[in-house]
Amino acid sequence: MLKKLLVGSVLLSASLASQAGIISVIDGADMAGIEVTASFADGSQELVTWSATDATSGSVVGSDWSLSLSGETFGDYDGSTNTLFGEWVLVNNTASGLTNLLINAGLVDVYFDIEETIEYTDGSEAGRPFVSSDDVGTTASFTDVYSAPDLFGTLNIAWDSSLAAGSSYSFLTDTDKAVVSEPATALVFLTGLLALVNYRRKS
């Protein structure tokens, strides 16, 4: 009886965790649902939800500011010409400087992959540390760990003297998406539940 109880408990636990997988190549459209909060020098804030704009692109559009990305999030950087490809593009056309940008991607199981050389999490492949068109006076930090040391749910970008009104800012950072195989999870869950019911009846 005890053995059946243990088996049932293990299967129920496995249904919650073991079926997760990582999609390492996603694009701007795949990130629909993430939340972006912009904070300004005048003390105001605005939260906007990301949405797809075409098959491979997405963006948020606030009150005279926007953040967008076209193509795959991994992107590329040519150091010889200081050119970013597949970058996130932030535009501030408000009357106030932008002091902080918080991107909550983990909300929809999208995670920033910041390790470029080693695949720490199965399926994550190579990631990319934060790199921008102008790192002077900029601090980027990743929090809400999903799988250490490579996958994080949030990115916070802060400017020492704010991103001036009427200016733009580009950066690269890779994202992956965690997915769960729903049919497989349901099957494991049902098997565990039946084992527990069977134990209860016999006890």
Protein backbone atom coordinates (compact mmCIF):
# COMPACT_ATOMS: atom_id res chain seq x y z
CA MET A 1 0.00 0.00 0.00
CA LEU A 2 2.76 2.41 0.95
CA LYS A 3 4.52 1.64 -2.31
CA LYS A 4 1.42 2.60 -4.32
CA LEU A 5 1.06 5.81 -2.36
CA LEU A 6 4.67 6.73 -3.06
CA VAL A 7 4.34 5.91 -6.76
CA GLY A 8 1.21 8.00 -7.03
CA SER A 9 2.83 10.95 -5.31
CA VAL A 10 5.90 10.76 -7.52
CA LEU A 11 3.81 10.64 -10.69
CA LEU A 12 1.74 13.61 -9.59
CA SER A 13 4.88 15.62 -8.89
CA ALA A 14 6.45 14.57 -12.19
CA SER A 15 3.42 15.81 -14.09
CA LEU A 16 4.11 19.33 -12.86
CA ALA A 17 7.80 19.54 -13.74
CA SER A 18 9.17 16.84 -16.00
CA GLN A 19 7.34 17.76 -19.20
CA ALA A 20 8.81 21.26 -19.59
CA GLY A 21 10.99 21.92 -22.62
CA ILE A 22 12.87 24.91 -24.02
CA ILE A 23 12.44 26.48 -27.45
CA SER A 24 15.72 28.30 -28.05
CA VAL A 25 14.83 30.14 -31.26
CA ILE A 26 11.93 32.56 -30.95
CA ASP A 27 11.07 35.88 -32.57
CA GLY A 28 9.28 39.09 -31.75
CA ALA A 29 5.84 37.62 -32.42
CA ASP A 30 6.47 34.69 -30.05
CA MET A 31 6.73 37.05 -27.07
CA ALA A 32 3.12 38.26 -27.12
CA GLY A 33 1.90 38.85 -23.58
CA ILE A 34 5.12 40.05 -21.92
CA GLU A 35 4.76 43.28 -19.96
CA VAL A 36 6.97 46.36 -20.32
CA THR A 37 6.98 49.15 -17.75
CA ALA A 38 8.57 52.50 -18.60
CA SER A 39 9.52 54.92 -15.81
CA PHE A 40 10.16 58.59 -16.52
CA ALA A 41 12.10 61.44 -14.92
CA ASP A 42 8.88 63.23 -13.99
CA GLY A 43 7.92 60.29 -11.74
CA SER A 44 5.30 58.80 -14.07
CA GLN A 45 5.13 55.16 -15.18
CA GLU A 46 3.34 53.30 -17.95
CA LEU A 47 2.83 49.54 -18.34
CA VAL A 48 2.07 48.14 -21.80
CA THR A 49 1.57 44.54 -22.97
CA TRP A 50 3.59 43.22 -25.91
CA SER A 51 1.72 42.04 -29.02
CA ALA A 52 2.63 40.57 -32.39
CA THR A 53 2.76 43.02 -35.29
CA ASP A 54 3.40 40.47 -38.05
CA ALA A 55 4.55 36.84 -38.37
CA THR A 56 7.99 37.46 -36.83
CA SER A 57 7.76 40.86 -35.14
CA GLY A 58 6.26 42.35 -32.01
CA SER A 59 6.15 45.55 -29.99
CA VAL A 60 4.67 47.64 -27.24
CA VAL A 61 3.45 51.16 -28.00
CA GLY A 62 2.94 53.53 -25.11
CA SER A 63 2.15 57.22 -24.92
CA ASP A 64 4.82 58.58 -27.27
CA TRP A 65 7.29 55.75 -26.60
CA SER A 66 7.72 52.26 -28.03
CA LEU A 67 9.81 49.10 -27.88
CA SER A 68 9.93 46.73 -30.84
CA LEU A 69 11.80 43.72 -32.21
CA SER A 70 11.75 42.15 -35.67
CA GLY A 71 13.04 38.64 -36.37
CA GLU A 72 14.79 36.25 -34.00
CA THR A 73 15.69 37.57 -30.58
CA PHE A 74 19.24 36.18 -30.66
CA GLY A 75 20.25 38.87 -33.14
CA ASP A 76 23.82 39.70 -34.03
CA TYR A 77 26.40 42.41 -33.43
CA ASP A 78 29.12 43.66 -35.78
CA GLY A 79 31.76 45.25 -33.53
CA SER A 80 33.72 46.66 -36.45
CA THR A 81 30.82 48.88 -37.51
CA ASN A 82 29.01 49.03 -34.14
CA THR A 83 25.87 47.69 -35.84
CA LEU A 84 23.14 45.64 -34.19
CA PHE A 85 21.00 43.19 -36.17
CA GLY A 86 17.75 41.73 -34.84
CA GLU A 87 17.84 44.26 -32.04
CA TRP A 88 15.28 45.55 -29.60
CA VAL A 89 14.61 49.21 -30.52
CA LEU A 90 13.42 51.65 -27.86
CA VAL A 91 12.13 55.06 -28.96
CA ASN A 92 11.33 57.83 -26.49
CA ASN A 93 9.30 60.68 -27.97
CA THR A 94 7.82 61.83 -24.67
CA ALA A 95 8.49 65.20 -23.10
CA SER A 96 10.35 63.53 -20.22
CA GLY A 97 13.55 61.52 -20.01
CA LEU A 98 13.23 57.75 -19.62
CA THR A 99 14.98 56.54 -16.46
CA ASN A 100 14.07 52.86 -16.30
CA LEU A 101 12.64 50.08 -18.47
CA LEU A 102 11.43 46.83 -16.89
CA ILE A 103 10.61 43.88 -19.15
CA ASN A 104 8.65 41.08 -17.47
CA ALA A 105 8.94 38.17 -19.90
CA GLY A 106 8.59 35.27 -17.45
CA LEU A 107 4.92 36.20 -17.16
CA VAL A 108 4.31 34.18 -20.36
CA ASP A 109 7.17 31.66 -19.93
CA VAL A 110 9.66 33.66 -21.99
CA TYR A 111 13.12 33.84 -20.42
CA PHE A 112 16.28 35.83 -21.11
CA ASP A 113 19.19 33.51 -21.95
CA ILE A 114 22.39 35.34 -20.99
CA GLU A 115 25.05 32.61 -21.27
CA GLU A 116 26.73 32.68 -24.69
CA THR A 117 29.16 29.76 -24.53
CA ILE A 118 27.62 26.91 -22.51
CA GLU A 119 24.18 25.28 -22.61
CA TYR A 120 23.47 25.12 -18.89
CA THR A 121 19.76 24.38 -19.30
CA ASP A 122 18.86 21.51 -21.64
CA GLY A 123 17.56 22.88 -24.93
CA SER A 124 18.52 26.49 -24.28
CA GLU A 125 21.57 26.45 -26.59
CA ALA A 126 23.82 29.51 -26.69
CA GLY A 127 22.41 32.77 -25.35
CA ARG A 128 23.62 36.34 -25.44
CA PRO A 129 24.70 38.70 -22.67
CA PHE A 130 23.16 42.17 -22.80
CA VAL A 131 24.84 44.47 -25.34
CA SER A 132 23.61 47.88 -26.47
CA SER A 133 24.32 50.61 -28.97
CA ASP A 134 25.51 52.82 -26.11
CA ASP A 135 26.40 51.27 -22.74
CA VAL A 136 27.67 54.52 -21.21
CA GLY A 137 25.60 55.33 -18.16
CA THR A 138 23.44 52.22 -18.60
CA THR A 139 22.93 49.35 -16.15
CA ALA A 140 21.19 46.13 -17.21
CA SER A 141 20.23 43.53 -14.61
CA PHE A 142 18.42 40.20 -14.87
CA THR A 143 16.22 38.87 -12.05
CA ASP A 144 13.53 36.23 -11.38
CA VAL A 145 15.70 33.21 -12.11
CA TYR A 146 14.04 30.36 -14.00
CA SER A 147 17.10 28.13 -14.39
CA ALA A 148 20.46 29.28 -13.01
CA PRO A 149 22.78 30.56 -14.27
CA ASP A 150 21.36 31.24 -17.72
CA LEU A 151 17.59 31.83 -17.80
CA PHE A 152 15.87 34.81 -16.13
CA GLY A 153 12.32 36.14 -16.25
CA THR A 154 12.90 39.89 -16.06
CA LEU A 155 15.29 42.46 -17.50
CA ASN A 156 15.69 45.90 -15.94
CA ILE A 157 17.50 48.67 -17.84
CA ALA A 158 18.37 51.86 -15.95
CA TRP A 159 19.94 55.08 -17.21
CA ASP A 160 22.11 57.22 -14.93
CA SER A 161 20.94 60.47 -16.50
CA SER A 162 17.83 59.19 -18.33
CA LEU A 163 17.26 58.48 -22.01
CA ALA A 164 16.52 61.94 -23.38
CA ALA A 165 13.22 62.83 -24.99
CA GLY A 166 13.36 62.45 -28.76
CA SER A 167 16.07 59.78 -28.71
CA SER A 168 16.33 56.05 -29.38
CA TYR A 169 18.27 53.15 -27.89
CA SER A 170 19.01 49.70 -29.31
CA PHE A 171 20.13 46.54 -27.53
CA LEU A 172 20.53 42.80 -27.94
CA THR A 173 19.47 40.10 -25.53
CA ASP A 174 18.39 36.57 -26.37
CA THR A 175 15.14 34.97 -25.21
CA ASP A 176 13.96 31.36 -25.02
CA LYS A 177 10.48 30.00 -24.37
CA ALA A 178 9.55 27.26 -21.90
CA VAL A 179 6.78 24.97 -23.10
CA VAL A 180 4.84 22.13 -21.50
CA SER A 181 3.51 19.13 -23.39
CA GLU A 182 -0.11 19.27 -22.23
CA PRO A 183 -1.24 15.77 -23.37
CA ALA A 184 1.79 14.13 -21.75
CA THR A 185 1.29 16.11 -18.55
CA ALA A 186 -2.39 15.16 -18.37
CA LEU A 187 -1.58 11.48 -18.84
CA VAL A 188 1.01 11.44 -16.08
CA PHE A 189 -1.29 13.38 -13.77
CA LEU A 190 -4.20 10.98 -14.41
CA THR A 191 -2.00 7.95 -13.80
CA GLY A 192 -0.87 9.35 -10.47
CA LEU A 193 -4.42 10.26 -9.48
CA LEU A 194 -5.68 6.75 -10.27
CA ALA A 195 -2.90 5.25 -8.17
CA LEU A 196 -3.91 7.40 -5.19
CA VAL A 197 -7.63 6.55 -5.62
CA ASN A 198 -6.79 2.85 -5.80
CA TYR A 199 -4.75 3.13 -2.61
CA ARG A 200 -7.58 4.93 -0.82
CA ARG A 201 -10.13 2.27 -1.77
CA LYS A 202 -7.95 -0.61 -0.60
CA SER A 203 -7.04 1.11 2.65
